[in-house]
C-alpha atoms as a PDB file:
ATOM      1  CA  MET A   1     171.340 116.154 123.343  1.00  0.00           C
ATOM      2  CA  THR A   2     173.577 118.711 122.840  1.00  0.00           C
ATOM      3  CA  SER A   3     176.627 120.318 125.092  1.00  0.00           C
ATOM      4  CA  ASP A   4     174.534 123.333 125.700  1.00  0.00           C
ATOM      5  CA  THR A   5     171.757 120.849 127.226  1.00  0.00           C
ATOM      6  CA  ILE A   6     174.373 119.487 129.543  1.00  0.00           C
ATOM      7  CA  GLU A   7     175.588 123.048 130.452  1.00  0.00           C
ATOM      8  CA  LEU A   8     172.158 123.938 131.362  1.00  0.00           C
ATOM      9  CA  VAL A   9     171.328 120.925 133.296  1.00  0.00           C
ATOM     10  CA  GLU A  10     174.730 121.888 135.413  1.00  0.00           C
ATOM     11  CA  ARG A  11     173.544 125.430 135.555  1.00  0.00           C
ATOM     12  CA  VAL A  12     169.854 124.633 136.853  1.00  0.00           C
ATOM     13  CA  ARG A  13     171.346 122.097 139.383  1.00  0.00           C
ATOM     14  CA  ARG A  14     173.757 124.810 140.719  1.00  0.00           C
ATOM     15  CA  ARG A  15     171.044 127.294 140.777  1.00  0.00           C
ATOM     16  CA  LEU A  16     168.548 124.782 142.666  1.00  0.00           C
ATOM     17  CA  THR A  17     171.175 124.162 145.022  1.00  0.00           C
ATOM     18  CA  GLU A  18     171.380 127.692 145.791  1.00  0.00           C
ATOM     19  CA  HIS A  19     167.639 127.930 146.196  1.00  0.00           C
ATOM     20  CA  GLU A  20     168.065 124.956 148.618  1.00  0.00           C
ATOM     21  CA  ASN A  21     165.513 122.905 146.152  1.00  0.00           C
ATOM     22  CA  PRO A  22     167.996 120.242 145.319  1.00  0.00           C
ATOM     23  CA  CYS A  23     168.107 119.052 141.889  1.00  0.00           C
ATOM     24  CA  GLN A  24     168.778 114.981 142.112  1.00  0.00           C
ATOM     25  CA  ILE A  25     171.073 113.742 139.218  1.00  0.00           C
ATOM     26  CA  ALA A  26     171.301 109.708 139.777  1.00  0.00           C
ATOM     27  CA  GLY A  27     174.769 109.714 138.004  1.00  0.00           C
ATOM     28  CA  PRO A  28     176.040 108.138 134.650  1.00  0.00           C
ATOM     29  CA  VAL A  29     174.822 104.569 133.902  1.00  0.00           C
ATOM     30  CA  PRO A  30     177.121 102.192 131.882  1.00  0.00           C
ATOM     31  CA  GLU A  31     176.453 100.777 128.418  1.00  0.00           C
ATOM     32  CA  ALA A  32     175.700  97.489 129.754  1.00  0.00           C
ATOM     33  CA  ALA A  33     172.852  98.398 131.782  1.00  0.00           C
ATOM     34  CA  ILE A  34     171.408 100.796 128.998  1.00  0.00           C
ATOM     35  CA  SER A  35     171.451  97.849 126.800  1.00  0.00           C
ATOM     36  CA  ALA A  36     170.144  95.522 129.287  1.00  0.00           C
ATOM     37  CA  ALA A  37     166.929  98.235 129.958  1.00  0.00           C
ATOM     38  CA  GLU A  38     166.620  98.173 126.294  1.00  0.00           C
ATOM     39  CA  GLU A  39     166.507  94.115 126.136  1.00  0.00           C
ATOM     40  CA  ALA A  40     164.030  94.420 128.674  1.00  0.00           C
ATOM     41  CA  LEU A  41     161.614  96.763 127.177  1.00  0.00           C
ATOM     42  CA  GLY A  42     162.147  95.438 123.816  1.00  0.00           C
ATOM     43  CA  VAL A  43     163.041  98.454 121.978  1.00  0.00           C
ATOM     44  CA  THR A  44     166.250 100.818 120.946  1.00  0.00           C
ATOM     45  CA  PHE A  45     166.643 104.053 122.846  1.00  0.00           C
ATOM     46  CA  PRO A  46     167.189 107.118 120.596  1.00  0.00           C
ATOM     47  CA  PRO A  47     170.540 108.672 120.740  1.00  0.00           C
ATOM     48  CA  SER A  48     169.330 111.803 122.778  1.00  0.00           C
ATOM     49  CA  TYR A  49     167.828 109.328 125.793  1.00  0.00           C
ATOM     50  CA  ARG A  50     171.202 107.175 125.652  1.00  0.00           C
ATOM     51  CA  THR A  51     173.294 110.540 125.782  1.00  0.00           C
ATOM     52  CA  PHE A  52     171.235 111.256 128.717  1.00  0.00           C
ATOM     53  CA  LEU A  53     171.551 107.911 130.477  1.00  0.00           C
ATOM     54  CA  ARG A  54     175.335 108.162 130.135  1.00  0.00           C
ATOM     55  CA  THR A  55     175.592 111.433 130.857  1.00  0.00           C
ATOM     56  CA  PHE A  56     172.950 111.942 133.982  1.00  0.00           C
ATOM     57  CA  GLY A  57     171.209 108.754 134.551  1.00  0.00           C
ATOM     58  CA  GLY A  58     167.978 110.194 135.791  1.00  0.00           C
ATOM     59  CA  ILE A  59     167.051 113.563 137.117  1.00  0.00           C
ATOM     60  CA  ALA A  60     164.577 114.704 139.279  1.00  0.00           C
ATOM     61  CA  ILE A  61     163.332 118.307 139.925  1.00  0.00           C
ATOM     62  CA  PRO A  62     160.980 119.675 142.635  1.00  0.00           C
ATOM     63  CA  PRO A  63     157.315 118.943 140.834  1.00  0.00           C
ATOM     64  CA  HIS A  64     156.444 122.663 141.141  1.00  0.00           C
ATOM     65  CA  LEU A  65     159.057 123.976 138.618  1.00  0.00           C
ATOM     66  CA  GLY A  66     158.288 122.266 135.347  1.00  0.00           C
ATOM     67  CA  ILE A  67     155.728 120.413 133.401  1.00  0.00           C
ATOM     68  CA  VAL A  68     158.033 117.090 133.576  1.00  0.00           C
ATOM     69  CA  HIS A  69     159.583 116.796 137.074  1.00  0.00           C
ATOM     70  CA  ASP A  70     161.212 113.588 136.635  1.00  0.00           C
ATOM     71  CA  PHE A  71     163.328 112.454 133.595  1.00  0.00           C
ATOM     72  CA  VAL A  72     163.331 108.571 134.318  1.00  0.00           C
ATOM     73  CA  GLY A  73     166.363 107.041 134.095  1.00  0.00           C
ATOM     74  CA  VAL A  74     167.916 103.480 134.139  1.00  0.00           C
ATOM     75  CA  SER A  75     169.394 101.755 137.623  1.00  0.00           C
ATOM     76  CA  PRO A  76     173.257 101.246 136.936  1.00  0.00           C
ATOM     77  CA  SER A  77     172.752  97.551 138.237  1.00  0.00           C
ATOM     78  CA  PRO A  78     169.793  95.120 138.573  1.00  0.00           C
ATOM     79  CA  PRO A  79     168.404  95.331 142.252  1.00  0.00           C
ATOM     80  CA  ALA A  80     169.609  92.719 144.678  1.00  0.00           C
ATOM     81  CA  THR A  81     166.421  91.856 146.536  1.00  0.00           C
ATOM     82  CA  PRO A  82     162.908  92.009 145.952  1.00  0.00           C
ATOM     83  CA  GLU A  83     162.207  95.065 148.525  1.00  0.00           C
ATOM     84  CA  ALA A  84     164.983  96.877 146.503  1.00  0.00           C
ATOM     85  CA  GLU A  85     163.191  95.871 143.187  1.00  0.00           C
ATOM     86  CA  ALA A  86     160.139  97.446 144.158  1.00  0.00           C
ATOM     87  CA  ALA A  87     161.725 100.913 145.089  1.00  0.00           C
ATOM     88  CA  VAL A  88     163.155 101.066 141.883  1.00  0.00           C
ATOM     89  CA  HIS A  89     161.705 103.268 139.478  1.00  0.00           C
ATOM     90  CA  ASP A  90     163.658 103.487 136.617  1.00  0.00           C
ATOM     91  CA  VAL A  91     162.146 103.368 133.042  1.00  0.00           C
ATOM     92  CA  VAL A  92     162.128  99.510 132.668  1.00  0.00           C
ATOM     93  CA  HIS A  93     160.136  99.380 136.005  1.00  0.00           C
ATOM     94  CA  ARG A  94     157.977 102.355 135.341  1.00  0.00           C
ATOM     95  CA  THR A  95     157.373 100.889 131.338  1.00  0.00           C
ATOM     96  CA  LEU A  96     156.792  97.480 132.407  1.00  0.00           C
ATOM     97  CA  SER A  97     154.389  98.385 135.582  1.00  0.00           C
ATOM     98  CA  ALA A  98     152.496 100.955 133.260  1.00  0.00           C
ATOM     99  CA  ARG A  99     152.093  98.080 130.644  1.00  0.00           C
ATOM    100  CA  ALA A 100     150.717  95.822 133.168  1.00  0.00           C
ATOM    101  CA  GLU A 101     148.468  98.084 135.159  1.00  0.00           C
ATOM    102  CA  ARG A 102     147.427 100.431 132.903  1.00  0.00           C
ATOM    103  CA  LYS A 103     147.555  98.633 129.389  1.00  0.00           C
ATOM    104  CA  LEU A 104     150.391 101.101 127.960  1.00  0.00           C
ATOM    105  CA  ALA A 105     150.891 100.056 124.416  1.00  0.00           C
ATOM    106  CA  ASP A 106     154.196  98.397 123.773  1.00  0.00           C
ATOM    107  CA  HIS A 107     155.560 101.136 121.301  1.00  0.00           C
ATOM    108  CA  LEU A 108     155.439 103.415 124.402  1.00  0.00           C
ATOM    109  CA  VAL A 109     158.292 104.006 126.931  1.00  0.00           C
ATOM    110  CA  VAL A 110     157.677 105.866 130.049  1.00  0.00           C
ATOM    111  CA  VAL A 111     160.512 108.771 129.986  1.00  0.00           C
ATOM    112  CA  GLY A 112     159.190 111.520 132.184  1.00  0.00           C
ATOM    113  CA  MET A 113     156.977 112.127 134.853  1.00  0.00           C
ATOM    114  CA  GLY A 114     154.584 115.057 134.912  1.00  0.00           C
ATOM    115  CA  ALA A 115     153.657 117.597 137.413  1.00  0.00           C
ATOM    116  CA  GLN A 116     149.990 116.228 137.419  1.00  0.00           C
ATOM    117  CA  TYR A 117     149.175 113.483 138.953  1.00  0.00           C
ATOM    118  CA  GLN A 118     149.648 110.300 136.665  1.00  0.00           C
ATOM    119  CA  GLU A 119     150.677 112.266 133.801  1.00  0.00           C
ATOM    120  CA  TRP A 120     153.520 110.190 131.906  1.00  0.00           C
ATOM    121  CA  PHE A 121     155.673 111.173 129.173  1.00  0.00           C
ATOM    122  CA  CYS A 122     156.719 108.242 126.947  1.00  0.00           C
ATOM    123  CA  LEU A 123     158.612 108.003 123.609  1.00  0.00           C
ATOM    124  CA  ASP A 124     156.428 106.601 120.920  1.00  0.00           C
ATOM    125  CA  VAL A 125     159.198 104.018 119.417  1.00  0.00           C
ATOM    126  CA  SER A 126     156.916 103.065 116.613  1.00  0.00           C
ATOM    127  CA  ARG A 127     157.652 106.757 115.008  1.00  0.00           C
ATOM    128  CA  PRO A 128     161.380 106.877 114.575  1.00  0.00           C
ATOM    129  CA  THR A 129     162.749 109.803 112.436  1.00  0.00           C
ATOM    130  CA  ALA A 130     165.690 109.430 109.861  1.00  0.00           C
ATOM    131  CA  SER A 131     168.307 110.282 112.886  1.00  0.00           C
ATOM    132  CA  GLY A 132     166.925 107.835 115.343  1.00  0.00           C
ATOM    133  CA  GLU A 133     164.722 109.947 117.625  1.00  0.00           C
ATOM    134  CA  TYR A 134     161.163 109.349 118.806  1.00  0.00           C
ATOM    135  CA  PRO A 135     158.782 112.013 119.394  1.00  0.00           C
ATOM    136  CA  VAL A 136     157.457 112.308 123.059  1.00  0.00           C
ATOM    137  CA  LEU A 137     153.824 112.283 123.878  1.00  0.00           C
ATOM    138  CA  MET A 138     151.633 112.481 126.841  1.00  0.00           C
ATOM    139  CA  TYR A 139     149.850 109.664 128.497  1.00  0.00           C
ATOM    140  CA  ASP A 140     147.219 110.403 130.948  1.00  0.00           C
ATOM    141  CA  ALA A 141     147.039 107.503 133.204  1.00  0.00           C
ATOM    142  CA  ARG A 142     143.910 108.606 134.766  1.00  0.00           C
ATOM    143  CA  ASP A 143     142.062 108.362 131.491  1.00  0.00           C
ATOM    144  CA  ASN A 144     144.350 105.228 130.070  1.00  0.00           C
ATOM    145  CA  ALA A 145     144.724 107.764 127.076  1.00  0.00           C
ATOM    146  CA  LEU A 146     147.524 109.503 124.946  1.00  0.00           C
ATOM    147  CA  ASP A 147     147.058 113.389 125.013  1.00  0.00           C
ATOM    148  CA  GLN A 148     149.283 114.683 122.671  1.00  0.00           C
ATOM    149  CA  GLN A 149     152.546 114.879 121.109  1.00  0.00           C
ATOM    150  CA  PHE A 150     154.504 117.454 123.181  1.00  0.00           C
ATOM    151  CA  TYR A 151     158.123 117.261 122.122  1.00  0.00           C
ATOM    152  CA  GLU A 152     160.046 116.272 118.858  1.00  0.00           C
ATOM    153  CA  ASP A 153     162.287 114.331 120.985  1.00  0.00           C
ATOM    154  CA  PHE A 154     163.775 113.488 124.366  1.00  0.00           C
ATOM    155  CA  GLY A 155     166.669 115.915 124.058  1.00  0.00           C
ATOM    156  CA  GLN A 156     164.130 118.801 122.848  1.00  0.00           C
ATOM    157  CA  MET A 157     162.245 117.920 126.274  1.00  0.00           C
ATOM    158  CA  LEU A 158     165.089 117.988 128.653  1.00  0.00           C
ATOM    159  CA  GLN A 159     166.430 121.337 127.001  1.00  0.00           C
ATOM    160  CA  GLU A 160     162.806 123.131 127.185  1.00  0.00           C
ATOM    161  CA  VAL A 161     161.750 121.924 130.559  1.00  0.00           C
ATOM    162  CA  MET A 162     165.354 123.156 131.912  1.00  0.00           C
ATOM    163  CA  GLY A 163     165.236 126.147 129.883  1.00  0.00           C
ATOM    164  CA  PHE A 164     161.974 126.764 131.881  1.00  0.00           C
ATOM    165  CA  VAL A 165     163.239 126.345 135.173  1.00  0.00           C
ATOM    166  CA  ALA A 166     166.368 128.290 134.317  1.00  0.00           C
ATOM    167  CA  ASP A 167     164.048 131.289 133.180  1.00  0.00           C
ATOM    168  CA  SER A 168     161.899 130.954 136.428  1.00  0.00           C
ATOM    169  CA  LEU A 169     165.153 131.011 138.693  1.00  0.00           C
ATOM    170  CA  ASP A 170     166.131 134.277 137.164  1.00  0.00           C
ATOM    171  CA  GLN A 171     162.986 135.831 137.783  1.00  0.00           C
ATOM    172  CA  PRO A 172     163.475 138.029 140.879  1.00  0.00           C
ATOM    173  CA  LEU A 173     160.935 136.871 143.906  1.00  0.00           C
ATOM    174  CA  ASP A 174     158.192 139.136 144.889  1.00  0.00           C
END
């Protein structure tokens, strides 16, 4: 994830606040929480996703603005109670729930929620690139099936979705 992407996210956040459509940013996640999430899932996160977690933690935008509206993050600390755990929607909870309830393959990690109901954007950790990144595939939970590869990596997904939102916000209202 580049500094241009970080600036783009901040620009979108400011613009959405101006339009009274808040962008929710969870906040930076400590390295220990990132490592614990990797251990819980049995995977190593790619560099772009690790940078995203350390910088933003997680991002949610209004669902009508992008193909991905929830960039799933990591909880900074474990939930203290079962009730708090039920309310957690981080990468570990979403992925483990998807594996249990929808038979999501162990090599897929849910990192984005799509605009359509039960569209999940997943890292395919079985296909690393030389730089340690993974492609992002769309999984349709309604059909329990992989749809297609959407992005080369998490950084590209964040850049393209936020770029689309920024362009949309720059358009004059009719």
